Amino acid sequence: MSLSRIYLGLGSNVDREQHLCAGLDALAGFLQDMRCSPVFESQPVGIKSGPFFNLVVSALTDLPLMELDRRLKFIEADNGRYAPERKGLPLDIDVLMYEDRVGNFDGLILPRAEILKNAFVLWPLALIAPDVVHPGVGLSFARLWREANIDQVLAPVDFQWQGRQLTPLGG
């Protein structure tokens, strides 16, 4: 079976380290060649809540797009995303890109519009996939980030997962 390169956006604003690590652990169980961006703290966009931790994951999968999305929803559910009494957003995992697909796939629009709108998506993408071209606009993520005019403040966060330092410290 062939493998597809995917990019996922992860975020949490409740027990942020715990939920991001749980999400990464779950993803590592079925994705290959997983690479993680640095983790950034950002203010919420579109909701009233506490600050988020966000990162982007690049990986290979043999799952079809809709099966991948279904698995991501299960991981979110396992982390309390859909609990009626939840406060905040324990874990959000979005498919940002699946290969170079463009369009509406059963309600899942790719590439995700958030890539071009939110610094907490575009900057991590520019760091882990600088030369990858956004299939909708035809420019690399590095160039898109250099030319972005997004009024959002991000702060790198000291973050480790499975003993690996995801965010380089000290510049």
N, C-alpha and C. Protein backbone atom coordinates (compact mmCIF):
# COMPACT_ATOMS: atom_id res chain seq x y z
N MET A 1 0.84 -1.19 0.00
CA MET A 1 0.00 0.00 0.00
C MET A 1 0.88 1.24 0.00
N SER A 2 0.50 2.24 -0.76
CA SER A 2 1.32 3.44 -0.86
C SER A 2 1.10 4.34 0.36
N LEU A 3 2.12 5.15 0.63
CA LEU A 3 2.07 6.07 1.76
C LEU A 3 1.85 7.48 1.27
N SER A 4 1.08 8.23 2.03
CA SER A 4 0.78 9.63 1.71
C SER A 4 1.37 10.53 2.77
N ARG A 5 1.98 11.64 2.34
CA ARG A 5 2.52 12.65 3.28
C ARG A 5 1.36 13.51 3.75
N ILE A 6 1.27 13.65 5.06
CA ILE A 6 0.20 14.46 5.66
C ILE A 6 0.81 15.48 6.61
N TYR A 7 0.04 16.53 6.85
CA TYR A 7 0.39 17.55 7.84
C TYR A 7 -0.82 17.74 8.73
N LEU A 8 -0.58 17.65 10.03
CA LEU A 8 -1.64 17.77 11.02
C LEU A 8 -1.34 18.94 11.95
N GLY A 9 -2.37 19.67 12.33
CA GLY A 9 -2.23 20.71 13.34
C GLY A 9 -2.82 20.22 14.65
N LEU A 10 -2.06 20.37 15.73
CA LEU A 10 -2.52 19.96 17.06
C LEU A 10 -2.56 21.17 17.97
N GLY A 11 -3.58 21.24 18.81
CA GLY A 11 -3.68 22.32 19.77
C GLY A 11 -4.41 21.87 21.02
N SER A 12 -4.09 22.54 22.14
CA SER A 12 -4.75 22.27 23.41
C SER A 12 -4.68 23.51 24.28
N ASN A 13 -5.76 23.74 25.04
CA ASN A 13 -5.71 24.81 26.04
C ASN A 13 -6.17 24.33 27.42
N VAL A 14 -6.21 23.02 27.61
CA VAL A 14 -6.55 22.41 28.90
C VAL A 14 -5.51 21.32 29.18
N ASP A 15 -4.81 21.41 30.32
CA ASP A 15 -3.75 20.44 30.60
C ASP A 15 -2.93 20.22 29.32
N ARG A 16 -2.41 21.30 28.82
CA ARG A 16 -1.86 21.35 27.47
C ARG A 16 -0.76 20.32 27.21
N GLU A 17 0.20 20.21 28.11
CA GLU A 17 1.29 19.26 27.90
C GLU A 17 0.75 17.83 27.87
N GLN A 18 -0.10 17.53 28.82
CA GLN A 18 -0.66 16.18 28.94
C GLN A 18 -1.43 15.79 27.68
N HIS A 19 -2.29 16.67 27.21
CA HIS A 19 -3.12 16.32 26.05
C HIS A 19 -2.32 16.28 24.75
N LEU A 20 -1.37 17.20 24.58
CA LEU A 20 -0.56 17.13 23.36
C LEU A 20 0.29 15.86 23.35
N CYS A 21 0.87 15.51 24.48
CA CYS A 21 1.66 14.27 24.54
C CYS A 21 0.78 13.04 24.28
N ALA A 22 -0.41 13.02 24.84
CA ALA A 22 -1.33 11.90 24.61
C ALA A 22 -1.70 11.82 23.13
N GLY A 23 -1.95 12.96 22.51
CA GLY A 23 -2.26 12.99 21.09
C GLY A 23 -1.09 12.49 20.25
N LEU A 24 0.11 12.96 20.56
CA LEU A 24 1.30 12.52 19.82
C LEU A 24 1.54 11.03 20.01
N ASP A 25 1.36 10.54 21.23
CA ASP A 25 1.52 9.09 21.49
C ASP A 25 0.55 8.29 20.63
N ALA A 26 -0.70 8.74 20.57
CA ALA A 26 -1.71 8.02 19.78
C ALA A 26 -1.36 8.06 18.30
N LEU A 27 -0.92 9.20 17.81
CA LEU A 27 -0.54 9.31 16.39
C LEU A 27 0.64 8.41 16.07
N ALA A 28 1.59 8.34 16.98
CA ALA A 28 2.78 7.51 16.76
C ALA A 28 2.43 6.04 16.63
N GLY A 29 1.25 5.66 17.11
CA GLY A 29 0.82 4.28 17.03
C GLY A 29 0.42 3.84 15.63
N PHE A 30 0.15 4.79 14.72
CA PHE A 30 -0.28 4.37 13.38
C PHE A 30 0.30 5.22 12.24
N LEU A 31 1.08 6.24 12.57
CA LEU A 31 1.73 7.05 11.52
C LEU A 31 3.20 6.68 11.43
N GLN A 32 3.78 6.93 10.28
CA GLN A 32 5.20 6.65 10.06
C GLN A 32 5.95 7.95 9.80
N ASP A 33 7.26 7.92 10.05
CA ASP A 33 8.14 9.06 9.78
C ASP A 33 7.54 10.35 10.35
N MET A 34 7.14 10.28 11.62
CA MET A 34 6.52 11.43 12.28
C MET A 34 7.58 12.46 12.64
N ARG A 35 7.34 13.70 12.23
CA ARG A 35 8.22 14.82 12.57
C ARG A 35 7.36 15.91 13.19
N CYS A 36 7.86 16.47 14.29
CA CYS A 36 7.10 17.48 15.01
C CYS A 36 7.78 18.84 14.92
N SER A 37 6.98 19.86 14.75
CA SER A 37 7.48 21.23 14.79
C SER A 37 7.75 21.60 16.25
N PRO A 38 8.40 22.74 16.47
CA PRO A 38 8.43 23.29 17.82
C PRO A 38 7.00 23.57 18.29
N VAL A 39 6.85 23.67 19.60
CA VAL A 39 5.55 23.97 20.20
C VAL A 39 5.52 25.46 20.54
N PHE A 40 4.40 26.09 20.22
CA PHE A 40 4.23 27.51 20.47
C PHE A 40 3.01 27.74 21.34
N GLU A 41 3.11 28.76 22.19
CA GLU A 41 1.94 29.22 22.94
C GLU A 41 1.33 30.38 22.15
N SER A 42 0.01 30.35 22.03
CA SER A 42 -0.70 31.40 21.30
C SER A 42 -1.99 31.74 22.02
N GLN A 43 -2.45 32.94 21.76
CA GLN A 43 -3.74 33.35 22.29
C GLN A 43 -4.83 32.70 21.44
N PRO A 44 -5.99 32.44 22.03
CA PRO A 44 -7.07 31.81 21.27
C PRO A 44 -7.56 32.69 20.12
N VAL A 45 -8.00 32.04 19.07
CA VAL A 45 -8.56 32.74 17.91
C VAL A 45 -9.98 32.22 17.71
N GLY A 46 -10.94 33.09 17.76
CA GLY A 46 -12.32 32.72 17.49
C GLY A 46 -13.09 32.16 18.67
N ILE A 47 -12.42 31.96 19.81
CA ILE A 47 -13.12 31.50 21.02
C ILE A 47 -12.54 32.23 22.22
N LYS A 48 -13.32 32.30 23.29
CA LYS A 48 -12.83 32.89 24.53
C LYS A 48 -12.33 31.75 25.41
N SER A 49 -11.03 31.76 25.68
CA SER A 49 -10.44 30.70 26.50
C SER A 49 -9.04 31.13 26.90
N GLY A 50 -8.37 30.23 27.60
CA GLY A 50 -6.98 30.46 27.95
C GLY A 50 -6.09 30.20 26.75
N PRO A 51 -4.80 30.50 26.88
CA PRO A 51 -3.87 30.32 25.78
C PRO A 51 -3.70 28.85 25.39
N PHE A 52 -3.35 28.66 24.13
CA PHE A 52 -3.15 27.33 23.55
C PHE A 52 -1.67 27.00 23.43
N PHE A 53 -1.39 25.71 23.41
CA PHE A 53 -0.13 25.19 22.88
C PHE A 53 -0.48 24.59 21.53
N ASN A 54 0.33 24.89 20.52
CA ASN A 54 0.10 24.39 19.17
C ASN A 54 1.39 23.86 18.56
N LEU A 55 1.25 22.87 17.69
CA LEU A 55 2.35 22.38 16.88
C LEU A 55 1.79 21.75 15.62
N VAL A 56 2.70 21.48 14.69
CA VAL A 56 2.34 20.81 13.45
C VAL A 56 3.15 19.53 13.36
N VAL A 57 2.50 18.47 12.89
CA VAL A 57 3.14 17.17 12.69
C VAL A 57 3.12 16.84 11.21
N SER A 58 4.26 16.40 10.72
CA SER A 58 4.37 15.86 9.36
C SER A 58 4.55 14.35 9.53
N ALA A 59 3.86 13.56 8.70
CA ALA A 59 3.98 12.11 8.82
C ALA A 59 3.56 11.45 7.52
N LEU A 60 3.79 10.15 7.47
CA LEU A 60 3.32 9.32 6.37
C LEU A 60 2.22 8.40 6.90
N THR A 61 1.21 8.18 6.07
CA THR A 61 0.13 7.28 6.45
C THR A 61 -0.28 6.43 5.26
N ASP A 62 -0.77 5.23 5.57
CA ASP A 62 -1.36 4.40 4.53
C ASP A 62 -2.89 4.46 4.59
N LEU A 63 -3.41 5.28 5.49
CA LEU A 63 -4.86 5.41 5.64
C LEU A 63 -5.44 6.34 4.58
N PRO A 64 -6.60 6.00 4.03
CA PRO A 64 -7.31 6.95 3.18
C PRO A 64 -7.71 8.17 4.02
N LEU A 65 -7.92 9.29 3.37
CA LEU A 65 -8.20 10.55 4.05
C LEU A 65 -9.33 10.44 5.07
N MET A 66 -10.47 9.89 4.69
CA MET A 66 -11.60 9.88 5.61
C MET A 66 -11.38 8.94 6.79
N GLU A 67 -10.64 7.86 6.59
CA GLU A 67 -10.29 6.97 7.71
C GLU A 67 -9.33 7.68 8.66
N LEU A 68 -8.38 8.43 8.11
CA LEU A 68 -7.47 9.22 8.94
C LEU A 68 -8.27 10.21 9.78
N ASP A 69 -9.17 10.94 9.16
CA ASP A 69 -9.97 11.92 9.89
C ASP A 69 -10.81 11.26 10.98
N ARG A 70 -11.36 10.08 10.69
CA ARG A 70 -12.14 9.35 11.69
C ARG A 70 -11.27 8.97 12.89
N ARG A 71 -10.06 8.51 12.63
CA ARG A 71 -9.15 8.15 13.73
C ARG A 71 -8.79 9.37 14.57
N LEU A 72 -8.60 10.50 13.92
CA LEU A 72 -8.27 11.72 14.65
C LEU A 72 -9.41 12.12 15.58
N LYS A 73 -10.65 11.95 15.12
CA LYS A 73 -11.81 12.25 15.97
C LYS A 73 -11.86 11.33 17.19
N PHE A 74 -11.47 10.06 17.01
CA PHE A 74 -11.42 9.13 18.15
C PHE A 74 -10.36 9.56 19.16
N ILE A 75 -9.21 10.01 18.67
CA ILE A 75 -8.16 10.48 19.57
C ILE A 75 -8.63 11.71 20.34
N GLU A 76 -9.28 12.63 19.64
CA GLU A 76 -9.84 13.80 20.32
C GLU A 76 -10.85 13.38 21.38
N ALA A 77 -11.73 12.45 21.04
CA ALA A 77 -12.74 11.98 21.99
C ALA A 77 -12.10 11.32 23.20
N ASP A 78 -11.06 10.52 22.97
CA ASP A 78 -10.36 9.87 24.08
C ASP A 78 -9.74 10.89 25.04
N ASN A 79 -9.51 12.09 24.56
CA ASN A 79 -8.92 13.14 25.38
C ASN A 79 -9.96 14.15 25.87
N GLY A 80 -11.25 13.81 25.76
CA GLY A 80 -12.30 14.64 26.34
C GLY A 80 -12.83 15.75 25.47
N ARG A 81 -12.47 15.76 24.20
CA ARG A 81 -12.90 16.85 23.31
C ARG A 81 -14.41 16.99 23.25
N TYR A 82 -15.12 15.88 23.23
CA TYR A 82 -16.57 15.93 23.03
C TYR A 82 -17.37 15.68 24.31
N ALA A 83 -16.70 15.69 25.45
CA ALA A 83 -17.39 15.48 26.72
C ALA A 83 -18.33 16.65 26.99
N PRO A 84 -19.58 16.37 27.40
CA PRO A 84 -20.55 17.46 27.61
C PRO A 84 -20.11 18.46 28.67
N GLU A 85 -19.36 18.01 29.68
CA GLU A 85 -18.97 18.90 30.77
C GLU A 85 -17.60 19.54 30.56
N ARG A 86 -17.01 19.35 29.41
CA ARG A 86 -15.64 19.84 29.21
C ARG A 86 -15.58 21.36 29.27
N LYS A 87 -14.44 21.83 29.71
CA LYS A 87 -14.15 23.25 29.71
C LYS A 87 -12.92 23.43 28.84
N GLY A 88 -12.98 24.37 27.91
CA GLY A 88 -11.85 24.58 27.02
C GLY A 88 -11.78 23.50 25.94
N LEU A 89 -10.63 23.40 25.34
CA LEU A 89 -10.41 22.47 24.24
C LEU A 89 -9.23 21.56 24.58
N PRO A 90 -9.52 20.37 25.15
CA PRO A 90 -8.44 19.49 25.58
C PRO A 90 -7.49 19.10 24.44
N LEU A 91 -8.05 18.73 23.29
CA LEU A 91 -7.20 18.33 22.17
C LEU A 91 -7.96 18.54 20.87
N ASP A 92 -7.29 19.25 19.96
CA ASP A 92 -7.82 19.48 18.62
C ASP A 92 -6.76 18.98 17.65
N ILE A 93 -7.16 18.11 16.73
CA ILE A 93 -6.24 17.63 15.68
C ILE A 93 -6.93 17.82 14.35
N ASP A 94 -6.31 18.63 13.49
CA ASP A 94 -6.87 18.91 12.17
C ASP A 94 -5.94 18.42 11.08
N VAL A 95 -6.54 17.84 10.04
CA VAL A 95 -5.77 17.55 8.83
C VAL A 95 -5.57 18.87 8.11
N LEU A 96 -4.33 19.31 8.01
CA LEU A 96 -4.02 20.56 7.31
C LEU A 96 -3.85 20.30 5.82
N MET A 97 -3.12 19.22 5.52
CA MET A 97 -2.90 18.82 4.13
C MET A 97 -2.78 17.30 4.06
N TYR A 98 -3.26 16.75 2.97
CA TYR A 98 -3.12 15.33 2.66
C TYR A 98 -2.57 15.28 1.25
N GLU A 99 -1.24 15.00 1.17
CA GLU A 99 -0.53 15.12 -0.11
C GLU A 99 -0.80 16.51 -0.67
N ASP A 100 -1.14 16.63 -1.94
CA ASP A 100 -1.41 17.95 -2.51
C ASP A 100 -2.88 18.09 -2.91
N ARG A 101 -3.74 17.38 -2.19
CA ARG A 101 -5.18 17.42 -2.51
C ARG A 101 -5.77 18.79 -2.23
N VAL A 102 -6.64 19.20 -3.14
CA VAL A 102 -7.35 20.46 -3.01
C VAL A 102 -8.82 20.18 -3.27
N GLY A 103 -9.69 20.63 -2.36
CA GLY A 103 -11.11 20.45 -2.58
C GLY A 103 -11.86 20.12 -1.32
N ASN A 104 -13.13 19.79 -1.50
CA ASN A 104 -14.02 19.42 -0.40
C ASN A 104 -14.20 17.91 -0.44
N PHE A 105 -13.73 17.25 0.61
CA PHE A 105 -13.78 15.80 0.70
C PHE A 105 -14.74 15.43 1.83
N ASP A 106 -16.00 15.20 1.48
CA ASP A 106 -17.04 14.88 2.47
C ASP A 106 -17.05 15.88 3.62
N GLY A 107 -16.95 17.16 3.29
CA GLY A 107 -16.99 18.20 4.30
C GLY A 107 -15.64 18.63 4.85
N LEU A 108 -14.60 17.89 4.53
CA LEU A 108 -13.25 18.23 4.96
C LEU A 108 -12.58 19.00 3.82
N ILE A 109 -12.36 20.30 4.04
CA ILE A 109 -11.83 21.15 2.98
C ILE A 109 -10.31 21.23 3.11
N LEU A 110 -9.62 20.84 2.04
CA LEU A 110 -8.17 20.82 2.02
C LEU A 110 -7.65 21.68 0.89
N PRO A 111 -6.49 22.30 1.09
CA PRO A 111 -5.81 22.46 2.37
C PRO A 111 -6.63 23.36 3.30
N ARG A 112 -6.42 23.20 4.61
CA ARG A 112 -7.18 23.96 5.59
C ARG A 112 -6.92 25.45 5.45
N ALA A 113 -7.96 26.23 5.51
CA ALA A 113 -7.84 27.70 5.39
C ALA A 113 -6.98 28.27 6.51
N GLU A 114 -6.96 27.61 7.67
CA GLU A 114 -6.19 28.11 8.82
C GLU A 114 -4.70 28.23 8.52
N ILE A 115 -4.21 27.49 7.53
CA ILE A 115 -2.80 27.57 7.18
C ILE A 115 -2.41 29.01 6.86
N LEU A 116 -3.24 29.69 6.10
CA LEU A 116 -2.92 31.05 5.66
C LEU A 116 -3.40 32.12 6.63
N LYS A 117 -4.23 31.74 7.60
CA LYS A 117 -4.83 32.73 8.50
C LYS A 117 -4.17 32.80 9.86
N ASN A 118 -3.57 31.70 10.33
CA ASN A 118 -3.10 31.63 11.71
C ASN A 118 -1.60 31.37 11.80
N ALA A 119 -0.92 32.27 12.52
CA ALA A 119 0.52 32.13 12.72
C ALA A 119 0.87 30.82 13.39
N PHE A 120 0.00 30.33 14.30
CA PHE A 120 0.30 29.09 15.02
C PHE A 120 0.21 27.86 14.12
N VAL A 121 -0.24 28.03 12.89
CA VAL A 121 -0.21 26.95 11.89
C VAL A 121 0.89 27.20 10.87
N LEU A 122 0.95 28.41 10.33
CA LEU A 122 1.88 28.71 9.25
C LEU A 122 3.34 28.70 9.70
N TRP A 123 3.65 29.28 10.85
CA TRP A 123 5.05 29.32 11.29
C TRP A 123 5.58 27.90 11.54
N PRO A 124 4.87 27.04 12.29
CA PRO A 124 5.35 25.66 12.45
C PRO A 124 5.50 24.93 11.11
N LEU A 125 4.57 25.14 10.19
CA LEU A 125 4.69 24.52 8.87
C LEU A 125 5.95 25.00 8.16
N ALA A 126 6.22 26.30 8.25
CA ALA A 126 7.41 26.86 7.61
C ALA A 126 8.69 26.30 8.22
N LEU A 127 8.63 25.92 9.48
CA LEU A 127 9.81 25.36 10.14
C LEU A 127 10.06 23.90 9.78
N ILE A 128 9.00 23.08 9.68
CA ILE A 128 9.22 21.66 9.41
C ILE A 128 9.11 21.30 7.94
N ALA A 129 8.53 22.18 7.14
CA ALA A 129 8.37 21.89 5.70
C ALA A 129 8.57 23.18 4.89
N PRO A 130 9.73 23.83 5.04
CA PRO A 130 9.91 25.14 4.42
C PRO A 130 9.77 25.14 2.90
N ASP A 131 10.18 24.06 2.25
CA ASP A 131 10.16 24.01 0.79
C ASP A 131 8.90 23.40 0.21
N VAL A 132 8.02 22.90 1.06
CA VAL A 132 6.76 22.32 0.58
C VAL A 132 5.88 23.46 0.08
N VAL A 133 5.25 23.23 -1.05
CA VAL A 133 4.42 24.24 -1.69
C VAL A 133 2.96 24.04 -1.30
N HIS A 134 2.34 25.13 -0.87
CA HIS A 134 0.91 25.11 -0.58
C HIS A 134 0.19 24.86 -1.90
N PRO A 135 -0.57 23.75 -1.99
CA PRO A 135 -1.18 23.41 -3.28
C PRO A 135 -2.25 24.37 -3.76
N GLY A 136 -2.77 25.19 -2.89
CA GLY A 136 -3.80 26.13 -3.30
C GLY A 136 -3.26 27.45 -3.84
N VAL A 137 -2.08 27.87 -3.35
CA VAL A 137 -1.54 29.17 -3.77
C VAL A 137 -0.22 29.06 -4.52
N GLY A 138 0.42 27.89 -4.50
CA GLY A 138 1.63 27.67 -5.28
C GLY A 138 2.89 28.30 -4.73
N LEU A 139 2.91 28.64 -3.44
CA LEU A 139 4.10 29.20 -2.81
C LEU A 139 4.54 28.31 -1.67
N SER A 140 5.84 28.31 -1.38
CA SER A 140 6.37 27.49 -0.29
C SER A 140 5.90 28.04 1.06
N PHE A 141 5.90 27.15 2.05
CA PHE A 141 5.50 27.61 3.39
C PHE A 141 6.49 28.63 3.93
N ALA A 142 7.78 28.48 3.62
CA ALA A 142 8.78 29.45 4.08
C ALA A 142 8.47 30.83 3.50
N ARG A 143 8.16 30.87 2.21
CA ARG A 143 7.85 32.17 1.59
C ARG A 143 6.55 32.74 2.13
N LEU A 144 5.55 31.88 2.27
CA LEU A 144 4.27 32.35 2.82
C LEU A 144 4.47 32.95 4.21
N TRP A 145 5.33 32.32 5.04
CA TRP A 145 5.57 32.83 6.38
C TRP A 145 6.32 34.17 6.31
N ARG A 146 7.34 34.25 5.46
CA ARG A 146 8.10 35.50 5.31
C ARG A 146 7.19 36.65 4.89
N GLU A 147 6.22 36.36 4.03
CA GLU A 147 5.36 37.40 3.49
C GLU A 147 4.05 37.57 4.26
N ALA A 148 3.85 36.77 5.28
CA ALA A 148 2.60 36.82 6.04
C ALA A 148 2.49 38.12 6.82
N ASN A 149 1.29 38.58 6.91
CA ASN A 149 0.99 39.77 7.71
C ASN A 149 -0.10 39.37 8.69
N ILE A 150 0.26 38.48 9.61
CA ILE A 150 -0.70 37.94 10.57
C ILE A 150 -0.43 38.57 11.93
N ASP A 151 -1.43 39.23 12.48
CA ASP A 151 -1.27 39.93 13.75
C ASP A 151 -1.58 38.99 14.92
N GLN A 152 -0.67 38.04 15.14
CA GLN A 152 -0.78 37.11 16.26
C GLN A 152 0.60 36.94 16.87
N VAL A 153 0.65 36.90 18.19
CA VAL A 153 1.92 36.73 18.89
C VAL A 153 2.06 35.27 19.29
N LEU A 154 3.22 34.70 18.95
CA LEU A 154 3.54 33.33 19.35
C LEU A 154 4.78 33.34 20.22
N ALA A 155 4.82 32.42 21.17
CA ALA A 155 6.00 32.27 22.02
C ALA A 155 6.41 30.80 22.02
N PRO A 156 7.67 30.51 21.67
CA PRO A 156 8.13 29.12 21.74
C PRO A 156 8.03 28.62 23.18
N VAL A 157 7.69 27.34 23.33
CA VAL A 157 7.49 26.74 24.64
C VAL A 157 8.45 25.57 24.82
N ASP A 158 9.11 25.54 25.97
CA ASP A 158 9.96 24.39 26.31
C ASP A 158 9.06 23.16 26.37
N PHE A 159 9.27 22.21 25.47
CA PHE A 159 8.36 21.07 25.37
C PHE A 159 9.13 19.83 24.98
N GLN A 160 8.90 18.76 25.74
CA GLN A 160 9.51 17.47 25.42
C GLN A 160 8.43 16.43 25.22
N TRP A 161 8.71 15.53 24.29
CA TRP A 161 7.83 14.39 24.04
C TRP A 161 8.70 13.17 23.85
N GLN A 162 8.41 12.14 24.61
CA GLN A 162 9.16 10.89 24.57
C GLN A 162 10.67 11.14 24.66
N GLY A 163 11.04 12.05 25.56
CA GLY A 163 12.45 12.34 25.79
C GLY A 163 13.11 13.21 24.73
N ARG A 164 12.36 13.64 23.73
CA ARG A 164 12.91 14.50 22.68
C ARG A 164 12.49 15.95 22.92
N GLN A 165 13.45 16.84 22.80
CA GLN A 165 13.15 18.26 22.92
C GLN A 165 12.56 18.74 21.59
N LEU A 166 11.29 19.13 21.58
CA LEU A 166 10.65 19.56 20.34
C LEU A 166 10.96 21.02 20.03
N THR A 167 11.12 21.82 21.06
CA THR A 167 11.37 23.24 20.84
C THR A 167 12.80 23.56 21.23
N PRO A 168 13.64 23.94 20.24
CA PRO A 168 15.02 24.30 20.57
C PRO A 168 15.04 25.48 21.53
N LEU A 169 15.88 25.40 22.53
CA LEU A 169 15.94 26.47 23.53
C LEU A 169 17.17 27.34 23.27
N GLY A 170 17.09 28.57 23.71
CA GLY A 170 18.23 29.47 23.63
C GLY A 170 18.46 30.05 22.24
N GLY A 171 17.40 30.09 21.42
CA GLY A 171 17.52 30.71 20.10
C GLY A 171 18.10 29.80 19.16
